Amino acid sequence: MNIPAELLYSKDHEWVRLEGDIAYIGITDYAQSSLGDIVFIELPSLGATVHTGATFGVVESVKAASDLFCPVSGTVVKVNTALEDNPGLLNSDSYANWIMAVNLEDKSALAGLLDALAYKNTLK
């Protein structure tokens, strides 16, 4: 199971990569592996306001559909539109293929996320 040390994680299996005030968000290797072949993703809209713990989209696989839960609050400033045409990119490398980027409302929310070791421990 790939769990990069430089990222932060939610208990809902999303990851966060911080670049200044921008948080890139995607799903973990565990999430994509559990879902199986991903065939569809519902992306958030540019400019949308997202809130910690609220759903921001849906990912569907041949096995199931799963809500995506936002690990931070802020405004969506980028969406990875390549996933609309090829959602399977999340299966090939879930960490290189982020879903959205959010301009953080409050960096203190990052304190509620898990580091790689704590996330790994939730998977046991």
C-alpha atoms as a PDB file:
ATOM      1  CA  MET A   1       0.000   0.000   0.000  1.00  0.00           C
ATOM      2  CA  ASN A   2       1.489   3.314  -1.086  1.00  0.00           C
ATOM      3  CA  ILE A   3       1.210   6.050   1.590  1.00  0.00           C
ATOM      4  CA  PRO A   4       3.559   8.968   0.762  1.00  0.00           C
ATOM      5  CA  ALA A   5       5.061  10.544   3.896  1.00  0.00           C
ATOM      6  CA  GLU A   6       4.840  14.121   2.565  1.00  0.00           C
ATOM      7  CA  LEU A   7       1.023  14.143   2.370  1.00  0.00           C
ATOM      8  CA  LEU A   8      -1.724  14.554   4.950  1.00  0.00           C
ATOM      9  CA  TYR A   9      -4.720  12.218   5.080  1.00  0.00           C
ATOM     10  CA  SER A  10      -8.347  12.135   6.164  1.00  0.00           C
ATOM     11  CA  LYS A  11     -10.034   9.149   7.789  1.00  0.00           C
ATOM     12  CA  ASP A  12     -12.293   9.154   4.711  1.00  0.00           C
ATOM     13  CA  HIS A  13      -9.309   8.215   2.485  1.00  0.00           C
ATOM     14  CA  GLU A  14      -8.587  11.580   0.844  1.00  0.00           C
ATOM     15  CA  TRP A  15      -5.102  13.053   0.745  1.00  0.00           C
ATOM     16  CA  VAL A  16      -3.928  16.680   0.903  1.00  0.00           C
ATOM     17  CA  ARG A  17      -0.753  18.181  -0.569  1.00  0.00           C
ATOM     18  CA  LEU A  18      -0.157  21.738   0.550  1.00  0.00           C
ATOM     19  CA  GLU A  19       1.473  24.302  -1.759  1.00  0.00           C
ATOM     20  CA  GLY A  20       1.350  27.661   0.001  1.00  0.00           C
ATOM     21  CA  ASP A  21      -2.331  28.411   0.665  1.00  0.00           C
ATOM     22  CA  ILE A  22      -3.472  25.882  -1.964  1.00  0.00           C
ATOM     23  CA  ALA A  23      -4.435  22.357  -0.931  1.00  0.00           C
ATOM     24  CA  TYR A  24      -4.422  19.741  -3.698  1.00  0.00           C
ATOM     25  CA  ILE A  25      -6.852  16.944  -2.842  1.00  0.00           C
ATOM     26  CA  GLY A  26      -7.218  13.416  -4.173  1.00  0.00           C
ATOM     27  CA  ILE A  27      -8.077   9.886  -3.085  1.00  0.00           C
ATOM     28  CA  THR A  28      -5.610   7.501  -1.513  1.00  0.00           C
ATOM     29  CA  ASP A  29      -4.167   4.348  -2.999  1.00  0.00           C
ATOM     30  CA  TYR A  30      -6.246   2.407  -0.477  1.00  0.00           C
ATOM     31  CA  ALA A  31      -9.445   4.107  -1.702  1.00  0.00           C
ATOM     32  CA  GLN A  32      -8.811   3.467  -5.395  1.00  0.00           C
ATOM     33  CA  SER A  33      -7.797  -0.123  -4.679  1.00  0.00           C
ATOM     34  CA  SER A  34     -10.953  -0.738  -2.622  1.00  0.00           C
ATOM     35  CA  LEU A  35     -13.172   0.759  -5.321  1.00  0.00           C
ATOM     36  CA  GLY A  36     -11.673  -1.197  -8.207  1.00  0.00           C
ATOM     37  CA  ASP A  37     -11.798   0.102 -11.778  1.00  0.00           C
ATOM     38  CA  ILE A  38     -13.012   3.707 -11.609  1.00  0.00           C
ATOM     39  CA  VAL A  39     -15.374   4.550 -14.479  1.00  0.00           C
ATOM     40  CA  PHE A  40     -16.830   7.963 -13.531  1.00  0.00           C
ATOM     41  CA  ILE A  41     -16.071  10.971 -11.357  1.00  0.00           C
ATOM     42  CA  GLU A  42     -18.249  13.946 -10.504  1.00  0.00           C
ATOM     43  CA  LEU A  43     -15.985  16.963 -10.071  1.00  0.00           C
ATOM     44  CA  PRO A  44     -16.790  20.105  -8.106  1.00  0.00           C
ATOM     45  CA  SER A  45     -17.310  23.422  -9.903  1.00  0.00           C
ATOM     46  CA  LEU A  46     -14.602  26.060 -10.096  1.00  0.00           C
ATOM     47  CA  GLY A  47     -15.317  28.762  -7.544  1.00  0.00           C
ATOM     48  CA  ALA A  48     -17.448  26.473  -5.377  1.00  0.00           C
ATOM     49  CA  THR A  49     -17.086  26.779  -1.622  1.00  0.00           C
ATOM     50  CA  VAL A  50     -16.298  23.469   0.062  1.00  0.00           C
ATOM     51  CA  HIS A  51     -16.398  22.653   3.762  1.00  0.00           C
ATOM     52  CA  THR A  52     -14.511  20.172   5.903  1.00  0.00           C
ATOM     53  CA  GLY A  53     -16.440  16.914   6.101  1.00  0.00           C
ATOM     54  CA  ALA A  54     -18.949  17.822   3.387  1.00  0.00           C
ATOM     55  CA  THR A  55     -19.192  15.918   0.108  1.00  0.00           C
ATOM     56  CA  PHE A  56     -17.573  17.545  -2.909  1.00  0.00           C
ATOM     57  CA  GLY A  57     -18.139  14.874  -5.528  1.00  0.00           C
ATOM     58  CA  VAL A  58     -18.699  11.224  -6.296  1.00  0.00           C
ATOM     59  CA  VAL A  59     -16.469   8.537  -7.703  1.00  0.00           C
ATOM     60  CA  GLU A  60     -17.995   5.442  -9.299  1.00  0.00           C
ATOM     61  CA  SER A  61     -16.362   2.151 -10.076  1.00  0.00           C
ATOM     62  CA  VAL A  62     -17.564  -1.100 -11.567  1.00  0.00           C
ATOM     63  CA  LYS A  63     -18.187  -2.247  -7.958  1.00  0.00           C
ATOM     64  CA  ALA A  64     -19.608   0.777  -6.142  1.00  0.00           C
ATOM     65  CA  ALA A  65     -20.183   4.508  -5.914  1.00  0.00           C
ATOM     66  CA  SER A  66     -18.562   6.512  -3.153  1.00  0.00           C
ATOM     67  CA  ASP A  67     -18.951  10.083  -1.972  1.00  0.00           C
ATOM     68  CA  LEU A  68     -15.830  12.219  -1.761  1.00  0.00           C
ATOM     69  CA  PHE A  69     -15.493  14.134   1.506  1.00  0.00           C
ATOM     70  CA  CYS A  70     -13.574  17.378   1.698  1.00  0.00           C
ATOM     71  CA  PRO A  71     -10.716  17.298   4.223  1.00  0.00           C
ATOM     72  CA  VAL A  72     -10.453  21.132   4.350  1.00  0.00           C
ATOM     73  CA  SER A  73     -12.612  24.222   3.796  1.00  0.00           C
ATOM     74  CA  GLY A  74     -12.077  26.816   1.118  1.00  0.00           C
ATOM     75  CA  THR A  75     -12.763  27.806  -2.471  1.00  0.00           C
ATOM     76  CA  VAL A  76     -12.159  25.463  -5.416  1.00  0.00           C
ATOM     77  CA  VAL A  77      -9.518  27.121  -7.632  1.00  0.00           C
ATOM     78  CA  LYS A  78      -8.663  24.168  -9.911  1.00  0.00           C
ATOM     79  CA  VAL A  79     -10.282  20.920 -10.988  1.00  0.00           C
ATOM     80  CA  ASN A  80      -8.515  18.098 -12.793  1.00  0.00           C
ATOM     81  CA  THR A  81     -10.709  17.960 -15.902  1.00  0.00           C
ATOM     82  CA  ALA A  82      -8.535  15.179 -17.377  1.00  0.00           C
ATOM     83  CA  LEU A  83     -10.385  12.862 -14.976  1.00  0.00           C
ATOM     84  CA  GLU A  84     -13.696  13.527 -16.737  1.00  0.00           C
ATOM     85  CA  ASP A  85     -12.431  11.848 -19.907  1.00  0.00           C
ATOM     86  CA  ASN A  86     -10.257   9.297 -18.139  1.00  0.00           C
ATOM     87  CA  PRO A  87     -11.311   8.622 -14.523  1.00  0.00           C
ATOM     88  CA  GLY A  88      -9.124   5.502 -14.576  1.00  0.00           C
ATOM     89  CA  LEU A  89      -6.139   7.801 -14.066  1.00  0.00           C
ATOM     90  CA  LEU A  90      -7.005   7.547 -10.365  1.00  0.00           C
ATOM     91  CA  ASN A  91      -6.348   3.807 -10.562  1.00  0.00           C
ATOM     92  CA  SER A  92      -3.029   4.210 -12.360  1.00  0.00           C
ATOM     93  CA  ASP A  93      -1.617   6.739  -9.855  1.00  0.00           C
ATOM     94  CA  SER A  94      -3.976   8.176  -7.281  1.00  0.00           C
ATOM     95  CA  TYR A  95      -1.316  10.518  -5.878  1.00  0.00           C
ATOM     96  CA  ALA A  96      -0.217  12.081  -9.181  1.00  0.00           C
ATOM     97  CA  ASN A  97      -3.837  12.601 -10.251  1.00  0.00           C
ATOM     98  CA  TRP A  98      -5.338  15.109  -7.838  1.00  0.00           C
ATOM     99  CA  ILE A  99      -9.066  15.855  -8.068  1.00  0.00           C
ATOM    100  CA  MET A 100      -9.277  19.503  -7.028  1.00  0.00           C
ATOM    101  CA  ALA A 101      -7.243  22.329  -5.557  1.00  0.00           C
ATOM    102  CA  VAL A 102      -8.691  24.520  -2.818  1.00  0.00           C
ATOM    103  CA  ASN A 103      -7.606  27.944  -1.614  1.00  0.00           C
ATOM    104  CA  LEU A 104      -7.580  27.247   2.116  1.00  0.00           C
ATOM    105  CA  GLU A 105      -9.957  29.198   4.285  1.00  0.00           C
ATOM    106  CA  ASP A 106      -8.074  28.355   7.497  1.00  0.00           C
ATOM    107  CA  LYS A 107      -4.756  26.480   7.702  1.00  0.00           C
ATOM    108  CA  SER A 108      -5.505  25.431  11.281  1.00  0.00           C
ATOM    109  CA  ALA A 109      -7.904  22.825   9.845  1.00  0.00           C
ATOM    110  CA  LEU A 110      -4.839  20.891   8.697  1.00  0.00           C
ATOM    111  CA  ALA A 111      -4.226  19.968  12.341  1.00  0.00           C
ATOM    112  CA  GLY A 112      -7.214  17.625  12.146  1.00  0.00           C
ATOM    113  CA  LEU A 113      -5.605  15.556   9.378  1.00  0.00           C
ATOM    114  CA  LEU A 114      -3.407  12.487   9.781  1.00  0.00           C
ATOM    115  CA  ASP A 115       0.245  12.046   8.897  1.00  0.00           C
ATOM    116  CA  ALA A 116       1.260   8.959   6.906  1.00  0.00           C
ATOM    117  CA  LEU A 117       1.908   6.758   9.965  1.00  0.00           C
ATOM    118  CA  ALA A 118      -1.381   7.672  11.653  1.00  0.00           C
ATOM    119  CA  TYR A 119      -3.248   7.038   8.393  1.00  0.00           C
ATOM    120  CA  LYS A 120      -1.525   3.682   7.960  1.00  0.00           C
ATOM    121  CA  ASN A 121      -2.623   2.746  11.474  1.00  0.00           C
ATOM    122  CA  THR A 122      -6.278   3.455  10.597  1.00  0.00           C
ATOM    123  CA  LEU A 123      -6.080   0.844   7.846  1.00  0.00           C
ATOM    124  CA  LYS A 124      -5.230  -2.021  10.235  1.00  0.00           C
END
